[in-house]
Amino acid sequence: MPAGPFTWGAGDPIFDRLYFECERKGMAEGLFGRLSGRGHSPGKSFPVSLSEEEWRGKLSAAQYRVLREHGTERAGSSPLDKQYGPGVYHCAGCGQPLFSSDAKFNSRTGWPSFWAPLDEAVETETDRSLFMTRTEVHCSRCGGHLGHVFDDGPEPTGQRYCMNGVSLDFHPGETPPATGGSEPGKSA
């Protein structure tokens, strides 16, 4: 039994129930996101820029919650977590290629995970929501929230890009664009 209420974590039934109930009601991204200053900065412009009304018309409710409101899908809920066929993962918001299946691995977290993105496909920023500091990953073309990156991944990068499956669109059999050779384990 945990020593106190703040020592529980993911995997604990009480924590999971409270966390996912907050997610379901939009409280985590609504309250904690606003307190932390999260959200799309009006000062940052992206090549693909739509009004919130246009985004709502283009995306499903789940995609909008994750990509535009920094939500998180429930672990294990995405079929892309267990997708290991060859292809390319694109942003569900704007269609930009983000990850090659060559960089995908089974992190056993319940979310699709990759050890590296395609060149210049994503950007990161500090996320201080939910009383912790993490590194948020977003699409460099539309600013859509994809997930977070952690320093506990496999070689050759040691990173784990833990992505929300609903923010991705898998194109089976597609070959990744040429990278210029800067992506570990890839050649131009």
Foldseek 3Di string as FASTA:
>chain_A
DDPDDVVDDPPPVVVLVVVVVCLVVVNQLPVQVVVQVDFDDPVDDAQDEDDLVVQPVQADPVQCCCFGSVGADDAQPAPVLPDQAFFFKAFSRPGHTWATSVQWDNPVRRFTKGLHIAPPQWDWDWDCGPNRIFIWIAGRHYRTTFAGKDQCDDPPRSIIGGGHNSRIDTDGPHDDDARCQPDPPDRD
